[in-house]
Amino acid sequence: MSNKSELDALNQQIAVCKKCILHKSRVKAVPGVGPETADIMFIGEAPGFHENQRGLPFVGAAGKFLDELLDKIGLRREDVFIANVVKCRPPGNRDPQPDEIEACRPYLDQQIKLIQPKMIITLGRFSMARYFPSAKISQIHGKPRKMEGVIYYPMYHPAAALHQPSLRRTVEEDVLRIPELLVQIDEMTESKRPEQAQQLSLF
């Protein structure tokens, strides 16, 4: 079975998932979208109102801003894979709960395994916590870390910049670094020392 077929099968599982309470209020699950060969994977927080209606991630105001950000570095939505930590909308756009995040974790794990992106960009604190559990986004945004050949790059969620206009320039500056980081990962090699290979290295 091809990676695309496996992603399609996974999407079908997510569409009918009942592993947490969020399925009771969803209109449509939002598995994620993008090519199975994407070098870049964006991981957001959770679907909002518009995403819940359409079954697609980042289609509201934050999605339009994300499209603008991608355009700044010569990319289109079709070039990247976009997913969320949880696949169904929390009622009233509340924060996703720990048990909801854990229920969806195997789905996101499998997406990452199939896509094998060179770069994972976390948008907001909930996806950031997956890789930087004790960090504050205000302190580590725009600071890449590399582990096992993948760059993990924390950024503010686009919605945060819409709610706090002072963050907009920060988000734009962080996005502008993405092309150079992709070039770096192609040039860098993993350390041969086992203790270093397992450690997240800031660069």
N, C-alpha and C. Protein backbone atom coordinates (compact mmCIF):
# COMPACT_ATOMS: atom_id res chain seq x y z
N MET A 1 0.85 -1.20 0.00
CA MET A 1 0.00 0.00 0.00
C MET A 1 0.88 1.25 0.00
N SER A 2 0.57 2.22 -0.86
CA SER A 2 1.35 3.45 -0.94
C SER A 2 1.07 4.34 0.27
N ASN A 3 1.97 5.31 0.49
CA ASN A 3 1.78 6.23 1.60
C ASN A 3 0.48 7.02 1.44
N LYS A 4 0.16 7.39 0.19
CA LYS A 4 -1.09 8.12 -0.04
C LYS A 4 -2.29 7.27 0.34
N SER A 5 -2.26 6.00 -0.05
CA SER A 5 -3.36 5.10 0.29
C SER A 5 -3.48 4.94 1.80
N GLU A 6 -2.33 4.85 2.47
CA GLU A 6 -2.35 4.71 3.93
C GLU A 6 -2.88 5.97 4.59
N LEU A 7 -2.52 7.14 4.05
CA LEU A 7 -3.06 8.39 4.59
C LEU A 7 -4.57 8.47 4.37
N ASP A 8 -5.02 8.06 3.20
CA ASP A 8 -6.46 8.06 2.91
C ASP A 8 -7.20 7.13 3.88
N ALA A 9 -6.61 5.96 4.14
CA ALA A 9 -7.23 5.02 5.07
C ALA A 9 -7.26 5.60 6.48
N LEU A 10 -6.19 6.29 6.86
CA LEU A 10 -6.13 6.92 8.17
C LEU A 10 -7.19 8.02 8.29
N ASN A 11 -7.37 8.79 7.22
CA ASN A 11 -8.39 9.84 7.21
C ASN A 11 -9.78 9.26 7.43
N GLN A 12 -10.04 8.10 6.86
CA GLN A 12 -11.33 7.44 7.03
C GLN A 12 -11.53 7.01 8.48
N GLN A 13 -10.47 6.55 9.12
CA GLN A 13 -10.56 6.19 10.53
C GLN A 13 -10.88 7.41 11.38
N ILE A 14 -10.18 8.51 11.09
CA ILE A 14 -10.38 9.74 11.86
C ILE A 14 -11.81 10.26 11.69
N ALA A 15 -12.35 10.11 10.49
CA ALA A 15 -13.69 10.64 10.19
C ALA A 15 -14.78 10.02 11.06
N VAL A 16 -14.56 8.79 11.50
CA VAL A 16 -15.58 8.10 12.29
C VAL A 16 -15.11 7.82 13.72
N CYS A 17 -14.00 8.43 14.12
CA CYS A 17 -13.41 8.17 15.43
C CYS A 17 -14.36 8.60 16.56
N LYS A 18 -14.39 7.76 17.61
CA LYS A 18 -15.20 8.06 18.80
C LYS A 18 -14.37 7.86 20.07
N LYS A 19 -13.08 8.12 19.97
CA LYS A 19 -12.17 7.84 21.08
C LYS A 19 -12.25 8.89 22.19
N CYS A 20 -12.85 10.04 21.91
CA CYS A 20 -13.01 11.05 22.96
C CYS A 20 -14.33 11.77 22.76
N ILE A 21 -14.65 12.63 23.68
CA ILE A 21 -15.97 13.29 23.70
C ILE A 21 -16.17 14.26 22.54
N LEU A 22 -15.10 14.67 21.89
CA LEU A 22 -15.23 15.67 20.83
C LEU A 22 -16.05 15.18 19.64
N HIS A 23 -16.15 13.87 19.47
CA HIS A 23 -16.92 13.37 18.32
C HIS A 23 -18.40 13.70 18.43
N LYS A 24 -18.87 13.94 19.67
CA LYS A 24 -20.30 14.17 19.88
C LYS A 24 -20.77 15.51 19.32
N SER A 25 -19.87 16.47 19.21
CA SER A 25 -20.28 17.80 18.75
C SER A 25 -19.70 18.17 17.38
N ARG A 26 -18.94 17.27 16.77
CA ARG A 26 -18.33 17.63 15.49
C ARG A 26 -19.35 17.58 14.35
N VAL A 27 -19.12 18.41 13.36
CA VAL A 27 -19.82 18.29 12.08
C VAL A 27 -18.98 17.42 11.16
N LYS A 28 -17.70 17.78 11.03
CA LYS A 28 -16.76 16.98 10.27
C LYS A 28 -15.43 16.92 11.02
N ALA A 29 -14.82 15.76 11.03
CA ALA A 29 -13.46 15.65 11.54
C ALA A 29 -12.52 16.34 10.55
N VAL A 30 -11.36 16.75 11.06
CA VAL A 30 -10.39 17.47 10.23
C VAL A 30 -9.05 16.75 10.33
N PRO A 31 -8.86 15.71 9.52
CA PRO A 31 -7.64 14.91 9.62
C PRO A 31 -6.37 15.68 9.31
N GLY A 32 -6.40 16.47 8.25
CA GLY A 32 -5.22 17.15 7.76
C GLY A 32 -5.22 17.07 6.24
N VAL A 33 -4.37 17.87 5.63
CA VAL A 33 -4.35 17.90 4.16
C VAL A 33 -2.96 18.27 3.66
N GLY A 34 -2.60 17.70 2.50
CA GLY A 34 -1.33 18.01 1.90
C GLY A 34 -0.73 16.79 1.25
N PRO A 35 0.36 16.97 0.49
CA PRO A 35 0.99 15.85 -0.20
C PRO A 35 1.72 14.92 0.77
N GLU A 36 1.71 13.65 0.44
CA GLU A 36 2.39 12.67 1.31
C GLU A 36 3.90 12.77 1.19
N THR A 37 4.38 13.61 0.26
CA THR A 37 5.82 13.81 0.06
C THR A 37 6.28 15.17 0.58
N ALA A 38 5.46 15.85 1.35
CA ALA A 38 5.78 17.21 1.80
C ALA A 38 7.05 17.24 2.64
N ASP A 39 7.92 18.22 2.37
CA ASP A 39 9.10 18.43 3.19
C ASP A 39 8.76 19.15 4.50
N ILE A 40 7.68 19.94 4.46
CA ILE A 40 7.29 20.75 5.62
C ILE A 40 5.93 20.31 6.12
N MET A 41 5.83 20.13 7.43
CA MET A 41 4.54 19.79 8.05
C MET A 41 4.24 20.82 9.14
N PHE A 42 3.09 21.47 9.01
CA PHE A 42 2.62 22.40 10.03
C PHE A 42 1.66 21.66 10.96
N ILE A 43 1.84 21.83 12.26
CA ILE A 43 0.94 21.22 13.23
C ILE A 43 0.32 22.33 14.08
N GLY A 44 -0.98 22.50 13.93
CA GLY A 44 -1.70 23.50 14.70
C GLY A 44 -2.31 22.91 15.95
N GLU A 45 -3.33 23.56 16.43
CA GLU A 45 -3.93 23.20 17.71
C GLU A 45 -5.17 22.33 17.53
N ALA A 46 -6.21 22.91 16.98
CA ALA A 46 -7.49 22.21 16.84
C ALA A 46 -8.33 22.92 15.79
N PRO A 47 -9.27 22.22 15.18
CA PRO A 47 -10.17 22.87 14.22
C PRO A 47 -11.03 23.94 14.90
N GLY A 48 -11.34 24.98 14.16
CA GLY A 48 -12.28 26.00 14.62
C GLY A 48 -13.63 25.83 13.94
N PHE A 49 -14.44 26.86 13.98
CA PHE A 49 -15.80 26.78 13.42
C PHE A 49 -15.79 26.43 11.94
N HIS A 50 -15.02 27.17 11.15
CA HIS A 50 -15.02 26.96 9.70
C HIS A 50 -14.43 25.60 9.33
N GLU A 51 -13.39 25.20 10.06
CA GLU A 51 -12.77 23.91 9.79
C GLU A 51 -13.74 22.77 10.10
N ASN A 52 -14.49 22.92 11.16
CA ASN A 52 -15.49 21.92 11.54
C ASN A 52 -16.57 21.77 10.47
N GLN A 53 -16.91 22.87 9.81
CA GLN A 53 -17.93 22.83 8.77
C GLN A 53 -17.42 22.18 7.48
N ARG A 54 -16.16 22.41 7.17
CA ARG A 54 -15.63 21.99 5.87
C ARG A 54 -14.76 20.74 5.93
N GLY A 55 -14.28 20.39 7.12
CA GLY A 55 -13.42 19.21 7.23
C GLY A 55 -12.00 19.45 6.75
N LEU A 56 -11.59 20.72 6.67
CA LEU A 56 -10.26 21.09 6.22
C LEU A 56 -9.59 21.99 7.26
N PRO A 57 -8.27 21.89 7.43
CA PRO A 57 -7.59 22.72 8.43
C PRO A 57 -7.29 24.13 7.92
N PHE A 58 -7.31 25.08 8.83
CA PHE A 58 -6.88 26.45 8.55
C PHE A 58 -7.60 27.04 7.34
N VAL A 59 -8.92 27.11 7.41
CA VAL A 59 -9.69 27.72 6.33
C VAL A 59 -10.39 29.01 6.77
N GLY A 60 -10.19 29.41 8.02
CA GLY A 60 -10.76 30.67 8.50
C GLY A 60 -9.75 31.80 8.35
N ALA A 61 -9.87 32.81 9.20
CA ALA A 61 -8.98 33.97 9.12
C ALA A 61 -7.53 33.59 9.35
N ALA A 62 -7.28 32.70 10.31
CA ALA A 62 -5.90 32.26 10.57
C ALA A 62 -5.33 31.54 9.34
N GLY A 63 -6.19 30.80 8.63
CA GLY A 63 -5.76 30.11 7.43
C GLY A 63 -5.37 31.06 6.33
N LYS A 64 -6.12 32.16 6.20
CA LYS A 64 -5.78 33.16 5.18
C LYS A 64 -4.43 33.80 5.49
N PHE A 65 -4.19 34.03 6.77
CA PHE A 65 -2.90 34.60 7.16
C PHE A 65 -1.78 33.59 6.91
N LEU A 66 -2.05 32.31 7.17
CA LEU A 66 -1.05 31.28 6.89
C LEU A 66 -0.73 31.24 5.39
N ASP A 67 -1.74 31.38 4.55
CA ASP A 67 -1.50 31.43 3.11
C ASP A 67 -0.60 32.61 2.74
N GLU A 68 -0.82 33.75 3.37
CA GLU A 68 0.01 34.93 3.13
C GLU A 68 1.46 34.66 3.55
N LEU A 69 1.62 33.99 4.68
CA LEU A 69 2.96 33.68 5.17
C LEU A 69 3.69 32.74 4.22
N LEU A 70 2.98 31.73 3.74
CA LEU A 70 3.58 30.80 2.80
C LEU A 70 4.01 31.51 1.51
N ASP A 71 3.17 32.43 1.06
CA ASP A 71 3.47 33.17 -0.16
C ASP A 71 4.77 33.97 -0.03
N LYS A 72 5.06 34.44 1.19
CA LYS A 72 6.28 35.22 1.42
C LYS A 72 7.54 34.42 1.17
N ILE A 73 7.44 33.08 1.27
CA ILE A 73 8.63 32.25 1.05
C ILE A 73 8.45 31.36 -0.19
N GLY A 74 7.55 31.79 -1.06
CA GLY A 74 7.40 31.12 -2.35
C GLY A 74 6.73 29.77 -2.29
N LEU A 75 5.91 29.54 -1.28
CA LEU A 75 5.21 28.27 -1.15
C LEU A 75 3.71 28.48 -1.25
N ARG A 76 3.01 27.41 -1.61
CA ARG A 76 1.56 27.40 -1.61
C ARG A 76 1.09 26.35 -0.61
N ARG A 77 -0.16 26.44 -0.25
CA ARG A 77 -0.74 25.45 0.67
C ARG A 77 -0.55 24.03 0.14
N GLU A 78 -0.60 23.88 -1.18
CA GLU A 78 -0.49 22.55 -1.78
C GLU A 78 0.91 21.95 -1.63
N ASP A 79 1.88 22.77 -1.21
CA ASP A 79 3.26 22.30 -1.08
C ASP A 79 3.57 21.71 0.29
N VAL A 80 2.70 21.95 1.27
CA VAL A 80 2.98 21.56 2.65
C VAL A 80 1.85 20.69 3.18
N PHE A 81 2.13 19.98 4.26
CA PHE A 81 1.08 19.21 4.92
C PHE A 81 0.67 19.97 6.18
N ILE A 82 -0.63 20.11 6.38
CA ILE A 82 -1.16 20.86 7.52
C ILE A 82 -2.08 19.96 8.33
N ALA A 83 -1.81 19.86 9.62
CA ALA A 83 -2.64 19.04 10.51
C ALA A 83 -2.78 19.76 11.84
N ASN A 84 -3.52 19.15 12.75
CA ASN A 84 -3.71 19.68 14.10
C ASN A 84 -3.44 18.60 15.14
N VAL A 85 -3.21 19.04 16.36
CA VAL A 85 -3.00 18.11 17.47
C VAL A 85 -4.25 17.29 17.72
N VAL A 86 -5.41 17.93 17.68
CA VAL A 86 -6.67 17.20 17.76
C VAL A 86 -7.44 17.39 16.47
N LYS A 87 -8.22 16.39 16.11
CA LYS A 87 -8.84 16.34 14.79
C LYS A 87 -10.30 16.78 14.76
N CYS A 88 -10.87 17.06 15.92
CA CYS A 88 -12.26 17.54 15.99
C CYS A 88 -12.30 18.83 16.79
N ARG A 89 -13.26 19.68 16.49
CA ARG A 89 -13.34 20.99 17.14
C ARG A 89 -13.79 20.87 18.59
N PRO A 90 -13.02 21.43 19.53
CA PRO A 90 -13.50 21.54 20.91
C PRO A 90 -14.66 22.52 20.97
N PRO A 91 -15.72 22.21 21.73
CA PRO A 91 -16.88 23.10 21.81
C PRO A 91 -16.49 24.52 22.21
N GLY A 92 -17.04 25.48 21.49
CA GLY A 92 -16.76 26.88 21.80
C GLY A 92 -15.33 27.29 21.58
N ASN A 93 -14.59 26.48 20.83
CA ASN A 93 -13.16 26.76 20.58
C ASN A 93 -12.33 26.78 21.87
N ARG A 94 -12.78 26.03 22.88
CA ARG A 94 -11.99 25.94 24.11
C ARG A 94 -10.69 25.20 23.82
N ASP A 95 -9.77 25.26 24.79
CA ASP A 95 -8.51 24.54 24.64
C ASP A 95 -8.76 23.03 24.62
N PRO A 96 -8.00 22.28 23.82
CA PRO A 96 -8.13 20.83 23.87
C PRO A 96 -7.65 20.29 25.21
N GLN A 97 -8.32 19.28 25.73
CA GLN A 97 -7.98 18.69 27.01
C GLN A 97 -6.92 17.60 26.83
N PRO A 98 -6.16 17.30 27.89
CA PRO A 98 -5.09 16.30 27.78
C PRO A 98 -5.57 14.95 27.25
N ASP A 99 -6.75 14.50 27.69
CA ASP A 99 -7.23 13.20 27.21
C ASP A 99 -7.61 13.25 25.73
N GLU A 100 -8.04 14.41 25.25
CA GLU A 100 -8.37 14.57 23.83
C GLU A 100 -7.10 14.57 22.98
N ILE A 101 -6.07 15.23 23.48
CA ILE A 101 -4.79 15.25 22.78
C ILE A 101 -4.22 13.84 22.70
N GLU A 102 -4.32 13.10 23.80
CA GLU A 102 -3.80 11.73 23.82
C GLU A 102 -4.60 10.81 22.90
N ALA A 103 -5.89 11.03 22.82
CA ALA A 103 -6.73 10.20 21.94
C ALA A 103 -6.32 10.38 20.49
N CYS A 104 -5.93 11.58 20.12
CA CYS A 104 -5.54 11.87 18.74
C CYS A 104 -4.06 11.62 18.46
N ARG A 105 -3.28 11.44 19.50
CA ARG A 105 -1.83 11.30 19.31
C ARG A 105 -1.45 10.21 18.31
N PRO A 106 -2.05 9.01 18.36
CA PRO A 106 -1.67 7.97 17.40
C PRO A 106 -1.92 8.37 15.95
N TYR A 107 -2.96 9.16 15.72
CA TYR A 107 -3.24 9.62 14.36
C TYR A 107 -2.14 10.54 13.86
N LEU A 108 -1.75 11.50 14.70
CA LEU A 108 -0.70 12.44 14.31
C LEU A 108 0.64 11.71 14.17
N ASP A 109 0.90 10.78 15.09
CA ASP A 109 2.13 9.98 14.98
C ASP A 109 2.21 9.27 13.64
N GLN A 110 1.10 8.68 13.22
CA GLN A 110 1.08 7.94 11.98
C GLN A 110 1.23 8.86 10.78
N GLN A 111 0.62 10.03 10.83
CA GLN A 111 0.78 10.99 9.75
C GLN A 111 2.25 11.38 9.57
N ILE A 112 2.91 11.65 10.68
CA ILE A 112 4.32 12.03 10.62
C ILE A 112 5.16 10.88 10.08
N LYS A 113 4.85 9.67 10.51
CA LYS A 113 5.59 8.49 10.06
C LYS A 113 5.46 8.28 8.55
N LEU A 114 4.27 8.52 8.03
CA LEU A 114 4.03 8.31 6.60
C LEU A 114 4.64 9.42 5.74
N ILE A 115 4.53 10.65 6.23
CA ILE A 115 5.00 11.79 5.44
C ILE A 115 6.51 11.96 5.53
N GLN A 116 7.06 11.69 6.70
CA GLN A 116 8.50 11.85 6.93
C GLN A 116 9.00 13.23 6.51
N PRO A 117 8.43 14.28 7.10
CA PRO A 117 8.85 15.63 6.72
C PRO A 117 10.27 15.94 7.18
N LYS A 118 10.92 16.84 6.47
CA LYS A 118 12.24 17.31 6.90
C LYS A 118 12.11 18.33 8.02
N MET A 119 10.96 19.00 8.05
CA MET A 119 10.77 20.08 9.01
C MET A 119 9.35 20.03 9.56
N ILE A 120 9.22 20.05 10.88
CA ILE A 120 7.92 20.11 11.54
C ILE A 120 7.81 21.47 12.23
N ILE A 121 6.82 22.24 11.82
CA ILE A 121 6.60 23.58 12.38
C ILE A 121 5.40 23.53 13.30
N THR A 122 5.63 23.80 14.56
CA THR A 122 4.54 23.80 15.53
C THR A 122 3.94 25.20 15.60
N LEU A 123 2.63 25.27 15.54
CA LEU A 123 1.91 26.55 15.57
C LEU A 123 1.13 26.64 16.88
N GLY A 124 1.63 27.43 17.81
CA GLY A 124 0.95 27.57 19.09
C GLY A 124 1.49 26.63 20.15
N ARG A 125 1.00 26.82 21.37
CA ARG A 125 1.61 26.15 22.51
C ARG A 125 1.24 24.68 22.64
N PHE A 126 0.08 24.26 22.12
CA PHE A 126 -0.31 22.87 22.29
C PHE A 126 0.50 21.94 21.40
N SER A 127 0.76 22.35 20.19
CA SER A 127 1.62 21.52 19.34
C SER A 127 3.08 21.67 19.75
N MET A 128 3.46 22.85 20.22
CA MET A 128 4.81 23.05 20.71
C MET A 128 5.12 22.11 21.87
N ALA A 129 4.13 21.91 22.76
CA ALA A 129 4.34 21.08 23.94
C ALA A 129 4.65 19.64 23.60
N ARG A 130 4.30 19.21 22.41
CA ARG A 130 4.61 17.84 21.98
C ARG A 130 6.12 17.61 21.92
N TYR A 131 6.87 18.64 21.54
CA TYR A 131 8.32 18.52 21.38
C TYR A 131 9.11 19.34 22.39
N PHE A 132 8.48 20.36 22.95
CA PHE A 132 9.15 21.22 23.93
C PHE A 132 8.24 21.34 25.16
N PRO A 133 8.09 20.25 25.92
CA PRO A 133 7.05 20.19 26.95
C PRO A 133 7.16 21.21 28.08
N SER A 134 8.34 21.70 28.38
CA SER A 134 8.47 22.62 29.51
C SER A 134 8.81 24.04 29.07
N ALA A 135 8.74 24.30 27.77
CA ALA A 135 9.17 25.59 27.24
C ALA A 135 8.01 26.59 27.17
N LYS A 136 8.37 27.85 27.08
CA LYS A 136 7.41 28.93 26.84
C LYS A 136 7.60 29.43 25.42
N ILE A 137 6.50 29.56 24.70
CA ILE A 137 6.60 29.93 23.30
C ILE A 137 7.24 31.31 23.11
N SER A 138 7.05 32.19 24.08
CA SER A 138 7.64 33.53 23.96
C SER A 138 9.15 33.47 24.01
N GLN A 139 9.70 32.39 24.57
CA GLN A 139 11.15 32.27 24.72
C GLN A 139 11.79 31.46 23.60
N ILE A 140 11.05 30.53 22.99
CA ILE A 140 11.70 29.64 22.01
C ILE A 140 11.17 29.78 20.59
N HIS A 141 10.19 30.64 20.35
CA HIS A 141 9.69 30.77 18.98
C HIS A 141 10.84 31.18 18.06
N GLY A 142 10.84 30.62 16.86
CA GLY A 142 11.86 30.95 15.89
C GLY A 142 13.22 30.35 16.16
N LYS A 143 13.31 29.45 17.15
CA LYS A 143 14.59 28.80 17.47
C LYS A 143 14.49 27.32 17.10
N PRO A 144 15.11 26.91 16.01
CA PRO A 144 14.99 25.53 15.55
C PRO A 144 15.80 24.56 16.39
N ARG A 145 15.31 23.35 16.47
CA ARG A 145 16.07 22.26 17.07
C ARG A 145 16.02 21.08 16.11
N LYS A 146 17.11 20.32 16.10
CA LYS A 146 17.20 19.20 15.18
C LYS A 146 17.38 17.90 15.94
N MET A 147 16.62 16.89 15.56
CA MET A 147 16.77 15.57 16.15
C MET A 147 16.49 14.52 15.09
N GLU A 148 17.41 13.59 14.96
CA GLU A 148 17.26 12.48 14.03
C GLU A 148 16.89 12.95 12.61
N GLY A 149 17.56 14.01 12.19
CA GLY A 149 17.40 14.46 10.81
C GLY A 149 16.20 15.35 10.55
N VAL A 150 15.42 15.67 11.58
CA VAL A 150 14.23 16.51 11.41
C VAL A 150 14.41 17.81 12.18
N ILE A 151 14.06 18.92 11.56
CA ILE A 151 14.06 20.21 12.24
C ILE A 151 12.69 20.43 12.87
N TYR A 152 12.69 20.78 14.15
CA TYR A 152 11.46 21.15 14.86
C TYR A 152 11.53 22.65 15.11
N TYR A 153 10.51 23.35 14.61
CA TYR A 153 10.56 24.81 14.58
C TYR A 153 9.30 25.39 15.22
N PRO A 154 9.41 25.90 16.44
CA PRO A 154 8.22 26.45 17.12
C PRO A 154 7.91 27.88 16.66
N MET A 155 6.63 28.10 16.40
CA MET A 155 6.16 29.43 16.02
C MET A 155 4.87 29.76 16.76
N TYR A 156 4.58 31.05 16.84
CA TYR A 156 3.26 31.45 17.33
C TYR A 156 2.20 30.97 16.34
N HIS A 157 1.02 30.69 16.87
CA HIS A 157 -0.11 30.35 16.00
C HIS A 157 -0.50 31.60 15.21
N PRO A 158 -0.84 31.46 13.92
CA PRO A 158 -1.27 32.63 13.15
C PRO A 158 -2.42 33.40 13.81
N ALA A 159 -3.31 32.69 14.49
CA ALA A 159 -4.43 33.37 15.15
C ALA A 159 -3.94 34.33 16.24
N ALA A 160 -2.82 33.98 16.88
CA ALA A 160 -2.28 34.85 17.93
C ALA A 160 -1.88 36.20 17.35
N ALA A 161 -1.33 36.18 16.14
CA ALA A 161 -0.92 37.43 15.49
C ALA A 161 -2.14 38.25 15.08
N LEU A 162 -3.25 37.58 14.79
CA LEU A 162 -4.47 38.31 14.44
C LEU A 162 -5.09 38.95 15.67
N HIS A 163 -4.98 38.27 16.81
CA HIS A 163 -5.53 38.81 18.06
C HIS A 163 -4.60 39.85 18.69
N GLN A 164 -3.29 39.67 18.45
CA GLN A 164 -2.30 40.61 18.99
C GLN A 164 -1.44 41.11 17.82
N PRO A 165 -1.84 42.20 17.21
CA PRO A 165 -1.12 42.70 16.03
C PRO A 165 0.37 42.91 16.26
N SER A 166 0.78 43.12 17.51
CA SER A 166 2.20 43.32 17.79
C SER A 166 3.02 42.07 17.48
N LEU A 167 2.36 40.90 17.41
CA LEU A 167 3.06 39.65 17.11
C LEU A 167 3.21 39.40 15.62
N ARG A 168 2.52 40.15 14.81
CA ARG A 168 2.51 39.86 13.37
C ARG A 168 3.91 39.90 12.76
N ARG A 169 4.68 40.92 13.09
CA ARG A 169 6.02 41.02 12.52
C ARG A 169 6.90 39.87 13.01
N THR A 170 6.72 39.48 14.27
CA THR A 170 7.48 38.35 14.81
C THR A 170 7.20 37.08 14.03
N VAL A 171 5.93 36.82 13.77
CA VAL A 171 5.54 35.62 13.01
C VAL A 171 6.11 35.68 11.60
N GLU A 172 6.03 36.83 10.97
CA GLU A 172 6.56 36.97 9.61
C GLU A 172 8.06 36.74 9.58
N GLU A 173 8.78 37.27 10.55
CA GLU A 173 10.24 37.09 10.60
C GLU A 173 10.60 35.62 10.81
N ASP A 174 9.83 34.94 11.66
CA ASP A 174 10.10 33.51 11.88
C ASP A 174 9.87 32.70 10.60
N VAL A 175 8.83 33.05 9.87
CA VAL A 175 8.54 32.33 8.62
C VAL A 175 9.65 32.54 7.60
N LEU A 176 10.20 33.73 7.54
CA LEU A 176 11.23 34.03 6.54
C LEU A 176 12.50 33.20 6.74
N ARG A 177 12.67 32.59 7.90
CA ARG A 177 13.85 31.76 8.16
C ARG A 177 13.69 30.34 7.61
N ILE A 178 12.48 29.95 7.27
CA ILE A 178 12.22 28.56 6.90
C ILE A 178 13.06 28.09 5.71
N PRO A 179 13.17 28.84 4.61
CA PRO A 179 13.95 28.35 3.47
C PRO A 179 15.41 28.04 3.82
N GLU A 180 16.04 28.93 4.60
CA GLU A 180 17.45 28.70 4.93
C GLU A 180 17.61 27.49 5.83
N LEU A 181 16.63 27.24 6.69
CA LEU A 181 16.70 26.07 7.56
C LEU A 181 16.59 24.77 6.77
N LEU A 182 15.76 24.78 5.75
CA LEU A 182 15.63 23.59 4.90
C LEU A 182 16.94 23.31 4.16
N VAL A 183 17.61 24.37 3.75
CA VAL A 183 18.91 24.19 3.09
C VAL A 183 19.91 23.60 4.09
N GLN A 184 19.88 24.11 5.33
CA GLN A 184 20.81 23.62 6.35
C GLN A 184 20.62 22.13 6.62
N ILE A 185 19.38 21.69 6.70
CA ILE A 185 19.17 20.29 7.03
C ILE A 185 19.65 19.37 5.92
N ASP A 186 19.63 19.85 4.68
CA ASP A 186 20.17 19.07 3.57
C ASP A 186 21.69 18.97 3.67
N GLU A 187 22.31 19.99 4.25
CA GLU A 187 23.76 20.04 4.32
C GLU A 187 24.32 19.37 5.58
N MET A 188 23.50 19.30 6.61
CA MET A 188 23.99 18.78 7.89
C MET A 188 23.90 17.26 7.94
N THR A 189 24.76 16.67 8.71
CA THR A 189 24.72 15.22 8.93
C THR A 189 24.56 14.96 10.42
N GLU A 190 23.95 13.83 10.74
CA GLU A 190 23.77 13.47 12.13
C GLU A 190 25.11 13.12 12.78
N SER A 191 25.26 13.46 14.04
CA SER A 191 26.46 13.09 14.78
C SER A 191 26.58 11.58 14.89
N LYS A 192 27.80 11.10 14.85
CA LYS A 192 28.04 9.66 14.98
C LYS A 192 28.06 9.21 16.44
N ARG A 193 28.11 10.17 17.35
CA ARG A 193 28.14 9.81 18.77
C ARG A 193 26.71 9.55 19.24
N PRO A 194 26.41 8.37 19.74
CA PRO A 194 25.04 7.99 20.10
C PRO A 194 24.39 8.95 21.07
N GLU A 195 25.16 9.44 22.07
CA GLU A 195 24.55 10.31 23.07
C GLU A 195 24.13 11.64 22.47
N GLN A 196 24.81 12.07 21.40
CA GLN A 196 24.44 13.31 20.74
C GLN A 196 23.30 13.09 19.75
N ALA A 197 23.28 11.93 19.14
CA ALA A 197 22.26 11.64 18.15
C ALA A 197 20.88 11.62 18.77
N GLN A 198 20.81 11.32 20.08
CA GLN A 198 19.51 11.24 20.75
C GLN A 198 19.11 12.58 21.36
N GLN A 199 19.99 13.56 21.29
CA GLN A 199 19.75 14.81 21.99
C GLN A 199 19.29 15.89 21.02
N LEU A 200 18.33 16.68 21.46
CA LEU A 200 17.90 17.82 20.67
C LEU A 200 19.01 18.87 20.71
N SER A 201 19.45 19.32 19.55
CA SER A 201 20.55 20.27 19.47
C SER A 201 20.04 21.60 18.93
N LEU A 202 20.23 22.64 19.69
CA LEU A 202 19.83 23.99 19.25
C LEU A 202 20.90 24.55 18.33
N PHE A 203 20.47 25.12 17.20
CA PHE A 203 21.46 25.73 16.30
C PHE A 203 20.88 26.99 15.67
